[in-house]
Amino acid sequence: MVEGSQLQEAQAISVLHEMLQQSFNLFHTERSSAAWDTTLLEQLLTGLHQQLDDLDACLGQVMGEEDSALGRTGPTLAVKRYFQGIHVYLKEKGYSDCAWETVRVEIMRSLSSSVSLQERLKMMYGDLSSP
C-alpha cells in the first residue's frame, strides 16, 4: 500500500503517534491526578492531544485516506507492550506517588528520545503545530 521510504515515514509517524497516545492515556486516568499538580497535568494532556491531532494529519499526508496495519507492526506493538509494562508496574506499586514519579522520569526519557524523530518529521512536513 505504501512504497519505499513512505512506509518508513508512515511507520515512524505511527510509532510516535502510539507513544503519544499511550502517554496521553496513562496520564488521563483518575489515578494520575492524585500524584500531579492538576494544572500542569492539564497542560501536559492538552499538549499531547494537540500533537496527536497534528500527527493524525501528518500520517494522513503519507498514507492518504487508506487505513493500514501499521498499528499492528513490530515497532508499534513494542510501544504498546512497553506501556502495558508501565501499567503493570503502577498497579503492583499501588499507584503510589513514588511509582508515578518513576513513571514520569521514564516517560520523559522516552519522549526526549523521540525529539530527533519529531525534528525529522518537521523537516519533511513543516511545523506540526501549524494548522
N, C-alpha and C. Protein backbone atom coordinates (compact mmCIF):
# COMPACT_ATOMS: atom_id res chain seq x y z
N MET A 1 0.83 -1.21 0.00
CA MET A 1 0.00 0.00 0.00
C MET A 1 0.86 1.25 0.00
N VAL A 2 1.94 1.22 0.76
CA VAL A 2 2.82 2.39 0.84
C VAL A 2 4.19 1.95 0.33
N GLU A 3 4.75 2.70 -0.58
CA GLU A 3 6.00 2.31 -1.21
C GLU A 3 7.22 2.88 -0.48
N GLY A 4 8.32 2.11 -0.51
CA GLY A 4 9.65 2.54 -0.10
C GLY A 4 9.74 3.39 1.14
N SER A 5 10.29 4.60 0.96
CA SER A 5 10.55 5.47 2.10
C SER A 5 9.27 5.97 2.75
N GLN A 6 8.16 5.97 1.99
CA GLN A 6 6.90 6.38 2.59
C GLN A 6 6.48 5.41 3.69
N LEU A 7 6.79 4.12 3.52
CA LEU A 7 6.47 3.15 4.56
C LEU A 7 7.27 3.45 5.82
N GLN A 8 8.55 3.76 5.67
CA GLN A 8 9.37 4.10 6.82
C GLN A 8 8.85 5.36 7.50
N GLU A 9 8.49 6.36 6.71
CA GLU A 9 7.95 7.60 7.27
C GLU A 9 6.64 7.32 8.00
N ALA A 10 5.76 6.57 7.34
CA ALA A 10 4.47 6.26 7.94
C ALA A 10 4.65 5.45 9.22
N GLN A 11 5.59 4.51 9.21
CA GLN A 11 5.84 3.70 10.39
C GLN A 11 6.39 4.55 11.52
N ALA A 12 7.31 5.47 11.20
CA ALA A 12 7.87 6.35 12.22
C ALA A 12 6.78 7.23 12.83
N ILE A 13 5.91 7.75 11.99
CA ILE A 13 4.82 8.59 12.47
C ILE A 13 3.87 7.75 13.32
N SER A 14 3.59 6.53 12.88
CA SER A 14 2.70 5.64 13.61
C SER A 14 3.26 5.31 14.99
N VAL A 15 4.56 5.04 15.06
CA VAL A 15 5.20 4.74 16.34
C VAL A 15 5.15 5.95 17.27
N LEU A 16 5.47 7.11 16.73
CA LEU A 16 5.42 8.34 17.53
C LEU A 16 3.99 8.59 18.00
N HIS A 17 3.03 8.41 17.12
CA HIS A 17 1.62 8.60 17.48
C HIS A 17 1.23 7.65 18.61
N GLU A 18 1.65 6.39 18.50
CA GLU A 18 1.31 5.40 19.53
C GLU A 18 1.94 5.79 20.87
N MET A 19 3.17 6.28 20.83
CA MET A 19 3.85 6.69 22.06
C MET A 19 3.10 7.85 22.73
N LEU A 20 2.70 8.82 21.93
CA LEU A 20 1.97 9.96 22.48
C LEU A 20 0.58 9.55 22.96
N GLN A 21 -0.09 8.67 22.20
CA GLN A 21 -1.43 8.21 22.59
C GLN A 21 -1.37 7.45 23.91
N GLN A 22 -0.40 6.56 24.03
CA GLN A 22 -0.26 5.78 25.26
C GLN A 22 0.09 6.69 26.44
N SER A 23 0.94 7.69 26.20
CA SER A 23 1.27 8.65 27.27
C SER A 23 0.03 9.42 27.69
N PHE A 24 -0.75 9.87 26.70
CA PHE A 24 -1.99 10.58 26.99
C PHE A 24 -2.92 9.70 27.82
N ASN A 25 -3.10 8.46 27.39
CA ASN A 25 -3.99 7.54 28.11
C ASN A 25 -3.50 7.31 29.54
N LEU A 26 -2.21 7.16 29.70
CA LEU A 26 -1.63 6.91 31.02
C LEU A 26 -1.90 8.07 31.98
N PHE A 27 -1.67 9.29 31.51
CA PHE A 27 -1.82 10.45 32.38
C PHE A 27 -3.25 10.97 32.42
N HIS A 28 -4.13 10.36 31.66
CA HIS A 28 -5.54 10.80 31.64
C HIS A 28 -6.39 9.98 32.61
N THR A 29 -5.79 9.13 33.40
CA THR A 29 -6.53 8.31 34.34
C THR A 29 -6.79 9.07 35.64
N GLU A 30 -7.81 8.65 36.36
CA GLU A 30 -8.10 9.27 37.66
C GLU A 30 -6.94 9.10 38.62
N ARG A 31 -6.28 7.96 38.55
CA ARG A 31 -5.20 7.68 39.48
C ARG A 31 -4.01 8.62 39.29
N SER A 32 -3.81 9.13 38.08
CA SER A 32 -2.67 10.02 37.85
C SER A 32 -2.90 11.39 38.48
N SER A 33 -4.14 11.83 38.56
CA SER A 33 -4.42 13.17 39.08
C SER A 33 -4.07 13.30 40.55
N ALA A 34 -4.04 12.19 41.27
CA ALA A 34 -3.68 12.24 42.69
C ALA A 34 -2.19 12.54 42.87
N ALA A 35 -1.38 12.20 41.89
CA ALA A 35 0.07 12.34 42.02
C ALA A 35 0.61 13.63 41.40
N TRP A 36 -0.21 14.38 40.70
CA TRP A 36 0.28 15.53 39.95
C TRP A 36 -0.48 16.81 40.28
N ASP A 37 0.18 17.91 40.07
CA ASP A 37 -0.46 19.21 40.10
C ASP A 37 -1.44 19.22 38.93
N THR A 38 -2.72 19.44 39.20
CA THR A 38 -3.74 19.31 38.16
C THR A 38 -3.56 20.31 37.02
N THR A 39 -3.07 21.51 37.30
CA THR A 39 -2.85 22.49 36.24
C THR A 39 -1.78 22.00 35.28
N LEU A 40 -0.66 21.52 35.83
CA LEU A 40 0.41 21.01 34.98
C LEU A 40 -0.02 19.76 34.22
N LEU A 41 -0.80 18.93 34.88
CA LEU A 41 -1.30 17.72 34.22
C LEU A 41 -2.20 18.10 33.05
N GLU A 42 -3.08 19.06 33.24
CA GLU A 42 -3.95 19.50 32.14
C GLU A 42 -3.14 20.09 31.00
N GLN A 43 -2.08 20.84 31.32
CA GLN A 43 -1.23 21.40 30.26
C GLN A 43 -0.54 20.28 29.47
N LEU A 44 -0.07 19.26 30.18
CA LEU A 44 0.56 18.13 29.52
C LEU A 44 -0.45 17.43 28.61
N LEU A 45 -1.63 17.17 29.12
CA LEU A 45 -2.65 16.48 28.33
C LEU A 45 -3.07 17.29 27.11
N THR A 46 -3.18 18.59 27.27
CA THR A 46 -3.53 19.46 26.15
C THR A 46 -2.44 19.41 25.08
N GLY A 47 -1.19 19.48 25.51
CA GLY A 47 -0.07 19.40 24.56
C GLY A 47 -0.02 18.06 23.84
N LEU A 48 -0.22 16.98 24.58
CA LEU A 48 -0.22 15.66 23.96
C LEU A 48 -1.36 15.52 22.96
N HIS A 49 -2.53 16.04 23.33
CA HIS A 49 -3.69 15.96 22.44
C HIS A 49 -3.43 16.74 21.15
N GLN A 50 -2.82 17.91 21.26
CA GLN A 50 -2.51 18.72 20.07
C GLN A 50 -1.52 17.99 19.17
N GLN A 51 -0.49 17.40 19.78
CA GLN A 51 0.50 16.66 18.99
C GLN A 51 -0.15 15.47 18.28
N LEU A 52 -1.07 14.80 18.97
CA LEU A 52 -1.77 13.67 18.35
C LEU A 52 -2.58 14.12 17.14
N ASP A 53 -3.27 15.24 17.27
CA ASP A 53 -4.03 15.78 16.15
C ASP A 53 -3.11 16.10 14.97
N ASP A 54 -1.96 16.72 15.27
CA ASP A 54 -1.00 17.07 14.23
C ASP A 54 -0.45 15.82 13.54
N LEU A 55 -0.16 14.80 14.33
CA LEU A 55 0.37 13.56 13.75
C LEU A 55 -0.68 12.84 12.92
N ASP A 56 -1.94 12.94 13.32
CA ASP A 56 -3.01 12.36 12.50
C ASP A 56 -3.00 12.97 11.10
N ALA A 57 -2.87 14.29 11.04
CA ALA A 57 -2.83 14.98 9.76
C ALA A 57 -1.59 14.57 8.97
N CYS A 58 -0.48 14.47 9.66
CA CYS A 58 0.78 14.09 9.05
C CYS A 58 0.70 12.67 8.48
N LEU A 59 0.16 11.75 9.25
CA LEU A 59 0.02 10.37 8.80
C LEU A 59 -0.95 10.31 7.62
N GLY A 60 -1.96 11.15 7.65
CA GLY A 60 -2.90 11.22 6.53
C GLY A 60 -2.22 11.65 5.24
N GLN A 61 -1.24 12.58 5.33
CA GLN A 61 -0.49 13.02 4.16
C GLN A 61 0.32 11.87 3.57
N VAL A 62 0.91 11.08 4.42
CA VAL A 62 1.77 9.99 3.97
C VAL A 62 0.93 8.83 3.43
N MET A 63 -0.15 8.51 4.13
CA MET A 63 -0.93 7.33 3.81
C MET A 63 -2.11 7.62 2.89
N GLY A 64 -2.47 8.86 2.72
CA GLY A 64 -3.72 9.16 2.05
C GLY A 64 -4.84 8.86 3.02
N GLU A 65 -5.97 8.52 2.53
CA GLU A 65 -7.11 8.24 3.40
C GLU A 65 -7.26 6.76 3.71
N GLU A 66 -6.34 5.93 3.20
CA GLU A 66 -6.47 4.50 3.41
C GLU A 66 -6.05 4.11 4.81
N ASP A 67 -6.76 3.13 5.38
CA ASP A 67 -6.39 2.56 6.68
C ASP A 67 -5.23 1.62 6.45
N SER A 68 -4.44 1.38 7.48
CA SER A 68 -3.30 0.49 7.33
C SER A 68 -3.18 -0.42 8.54
N ALA A 69 -2.26 -1.34 8.42
CA ALA A 69 -1.97 -2.27 9.51
C ALA A 69 -0.79 -1.79 10.33
N LEU A 70 -0.40 -0.53 10.21
CA LEU A 70 0.78 -0.03 10.91
C LEU A 70 0.67 -0.18 12.42
N GLY A 71 -0.54 -0.10 12.95
CA GLY A 71 -0.73 -0.25 14.39
C GLY A 71 -0.46 -1.65 14.90
N ARG A 72 -0.31 -2.59 13.96
CA ARG A 72 -0.07 -3.97 14.35
C ARG A 72 1.35 -4.42 13.97
N THR A 73 2.21 -3.48 13.58
CA THR A 73 3.57 -3.83 13.19
C THR A 73 4.48 -3.91 14.41
N GLY A 74 5.64 -4.50 14.22
CA GLY A 74 6.59 -4.72 15.31
C GLY A 74 6.89 -3.50 16.16
N PRO A 75 7.35 -2.40 15.57
CA PRO A 75 7.71 -1.24 16.40
C PRO A 75 6.52 -0.67 17.18
N THR A 76 5.36 -0.61 16.55
CA THR A 76 4.18 -0.08 17.23
C THR A 76 3.73 -1.02 18.34
N LEU A 77 3.80 -2.32 18.07
CA LEU A 77 3.47 -3.30 19.11
C LEU A 77 4.43 -3.21 20.28
N ALA A 78 5.69 -2.95 19.99
CA ALA A 78 6.69 -2.81 21.05
C ALA A 78 6.34 -1.64 21.96
N VAL A 79 5.87 -0.54 21.39
CA VAL A 79 5.45 0.62 22.19
C VAL A 79 4.27 0.24 23.07
N LYS A 80 3.31 -0.49 22.50
CA LYS A 80 2.14 -0.91 23.29
C LYS A 80 2.57 -1.81 24.45
N ARG A 81 3.48 -2.74 24.19
CA ARG A 81 3.96 -3.63 25.26
C ARG A 81 4.72 -2.85 26.33
N TYR A 82 5.49 -1.88 25.92
CA TYR A 82 6.23 -1.02 26.84
C TYR A 82 5.27 -0.33 27.81
N PHE A 83 4.19 0.22 27.29
CA PHE A 83 3.22 0.90 28.14
C PHE A 83 2.40 -0.07 28.97
N GLN A 84 2.17 -1.26 28.46
CA GLN A 84 1.50 -2.28 29.28
C GLN A 84 2.36 -2.59 30.51
N GLY A 85 3.67 -2.65 30.30
CA GLY A 85 4.59 -2.88 31.42
C GLY A 85 4.53 -1.75 32.44
N ILE A 86 4.38 -0.53 31.98
CA ILE A 86 4.25 0.61 32.89
C ILE A 86 2.96 0.49 33.70
N HIS A 87 1.87 0.12 33.06
CA HIS A 87 0.60 -0.06 33.77
C HIS A 87 0.72 -1.15 34.84
N VAL A 88 1.38 -2.24 34.50
CA VAL A 88 1.58 -3.34 35.45
C VAL A 88 2.42 -2.85 36.63
N TYR A 89 3.48 -2.12 36.34
CA TYR A 89 4.35 -1.58 37.39
C TYR A 89 3.55 -0.69 38.35
N LEU A 90 2.77 0.22 37.80
CA LEU A 90 1.97 1.12 38.64
C LEU A 90 0.99 0.34 39.52
N LYS A 91 0.35 -0.65 38.92
CA LYS A 91 -0.61 -1.46 39.68
C LYS A 91 0.09 -2.20 40.82
N GLU A 92 1.25 -2.81 40.50
CA GLU A 92 2.00 -3.54 41.53
C GLU A 92 2.45 -2.63 42.67
N LYS A 93 2.72 -1.38 42.36
CA LYS A 93 3.18 -0.42 43.37
C LYS A 93 2.02 0.35 44.01
N GLY A 94 0.81 -0.06 43.69
CA GLY A 94 -0.36 0.58 44.29
C GLY A 94 -0.55 2.02 43.87
N TYR A 95 -0.07 2.37 42.68
CA TYR A 95 -0.21 3.73 42.15
C TYR A 95 0.32 4.78 43.12
N SER A 96 1.38 4.44 43.83
CA SER A 96 1.95 5.35 44.82
C SER A 96 2.58 6.57 44.13
N ASP A 97 2.74 7.64 44.89
CA ASP A 97 3.38 8.84 44.35
C ASP A 97 4.79 8.52 43.86
N CYS A 98 5.49 7.65 44.59
CA CYS A 98 6.84 7.26 44.21
C CYS A 98 6.83 6.52 42.87
N ALA A 99 5.87 5.64 42.69
CA ALA A 99 5.76 4.90 41.43
C ALA A 99 5.46 5.85 40.27
N TRP A 100 4.56 6.81 40.51
CA TRP A 100 4.24 7.79 39.47
C TRP A 100 5.46 8.63 39.12
N GLU A 101 6.28 8.96 40.11
CA GLU A 101 7.49 9.74 39.83
C GLU A 101 8.45 8.93 38.97
N THR A 102 8.59 7.65 39.27
CA THR A 102 9.44 6.78 38.45
C THR A 102 8.92 6.73 37.02
N VAL A 103 7.61 6.61 36.88
CA VAL A 103 6.99 6.58 35.55
C VAL A 103 7.22 7.91 34.83
N ARG A 104 7.07 9.00 35.55
CA ARG A 104 7.29 10.32 34.93
C ARG A 104 8.69 10.41 34.34
N VAL A 105 9.68 10.00 35.10
CA VAL A 105 11.07 10.04 34.63
C VAL A 105 11.24 9.15 33.40
N GLU A 106 10.65 7.97 33.45
CA GLU A 106 10.74 7.03 32.33
C GLU A 106 10.06 7.58 31.08
N ILE A 107 8.90 8.17 31.24
CA ILE A 107 8.18 8.73 30.09
C ILE A 107 8.95 9.91 29.51
N MET A 108 9.51 10.75 30.38
CA MET A 108 10.32 11.88 29.89
C MET A 108 11.51 11.37 29.08
N ARG A 109 12.13 10.30 29.54
CA ARG A 109 13.26 9.72 28.82
C ARG A 109 12.79 9.24 27.44
N SER A 110 11.67 8.58 27.40
CA SER A 110 11.14 8.07 26.13
C SER A 110 10.77 9.20 25.18
N LEU A 111 10.09 10.21 25.72
CA LEU A 111 9.68 11.32 24.86
C LEU A 111 10.87 12.12 24.36
N SER A 112 11.88 12.29 25.20
CA SER A 112 13.04 13.05 24.74
C SER A 112 13.82 12.27 23.68
N SER A 113 13.75 10.94 23.71
CA SER A 113 14.40 10.15 22.66
C SER A 113 13.67 10.28 21.33
N SER A 114 12.44 10.75 21.36
CA SER A 114 11.68 10.91 20.12
C SER A 114 11.88 12.29 19.50
N VAL A 115 12.65 13.16 20.14
CA VAL A 115 12.83 14.52 19.64
C VAL A 115 13.45 14.52 18.25
N SER A 116 14.46 13.67 18.01
CA SER A 116 15.10 13.66 16.69
C SER A 116 14.10 13.20 15.62
N LEU A 117 13.25 12.27 15.96
CA LEU A 117 12.22 11.84 15.02
C LEU A 117 11.25 12.99 14.74
N GLN A 118 10.86 13.71 15.78
CA GLN A 118 9.95 14.84 15.58
C GLN A 118 10.60 15.90 14.71
N GLU A 119 11.89 16.14 14.91
CA GLU A 119 12.60 17.15 14.11
C GLU A 119 12.64 16.72 12.64
N ARG A 120 12.88 15.44 12.41
CA ARG A 120 12.91 14.92 11.03
C ARG A 120 11.54 15.08 10.38
N LEU A 121 10.48 14.79 11.13
CA LEU A 121 9.13 14.95 10.58
C LEU A 121 8.82 16.41 10.29
N LYS A 122 9.27 17.30 11.14
CA LYS A 122 9.05 18.73 10.89
C LYS A 122 9.72 19.16 9.60
N MET A 123 10.94 18.63 9.36
CA MET A 123 11.65 18.98 8.13
C MET A 123 10.88 18.48 6.90
N MET A 124 10.25 17.31 7.03
CA MET A 124 9.54 16.72 5.89
C MET A 124 8.18 17.34 5.69
N TYR A 125 7.48 17.67 6.78
CA TYR A 125 6.07 18.08 6.66
C TYR A 125 5.82 19.48 7.17
N GLY A 126 6.83 20.20 7.56
CA GLY A 126 6.63 21.52 8.12
C GLY A 126 6.35 21.42 9.60
N ASP A 127 6.12 22.55 10.22
CA ASP A 127 5.87 22.61 11.66
C ASP A 127 4.57 21.88 11.98
N LEU A 128 4.67 20.81 12.77
CA LEU A 128 3.48 20.01 13.08
C LEU A 128 2.46 20.76 13.92
N SER A 129 2.85 21.83 14.56
CA SER A 129 1.91 22.57 15.38
C SER A 129 1.14 23.60 14.57
N SER A 130 1.48 23.76 13.29
CA SER A 130 0.75 24.70 12.44
C SER A 130 -0.50 24.04 11.90
N PRO A 131 -1.56 24.83 11.68
CA PRO A 131 -2.78 24.23 11.12
C PRO A 131 -2.59 23.79 9.70
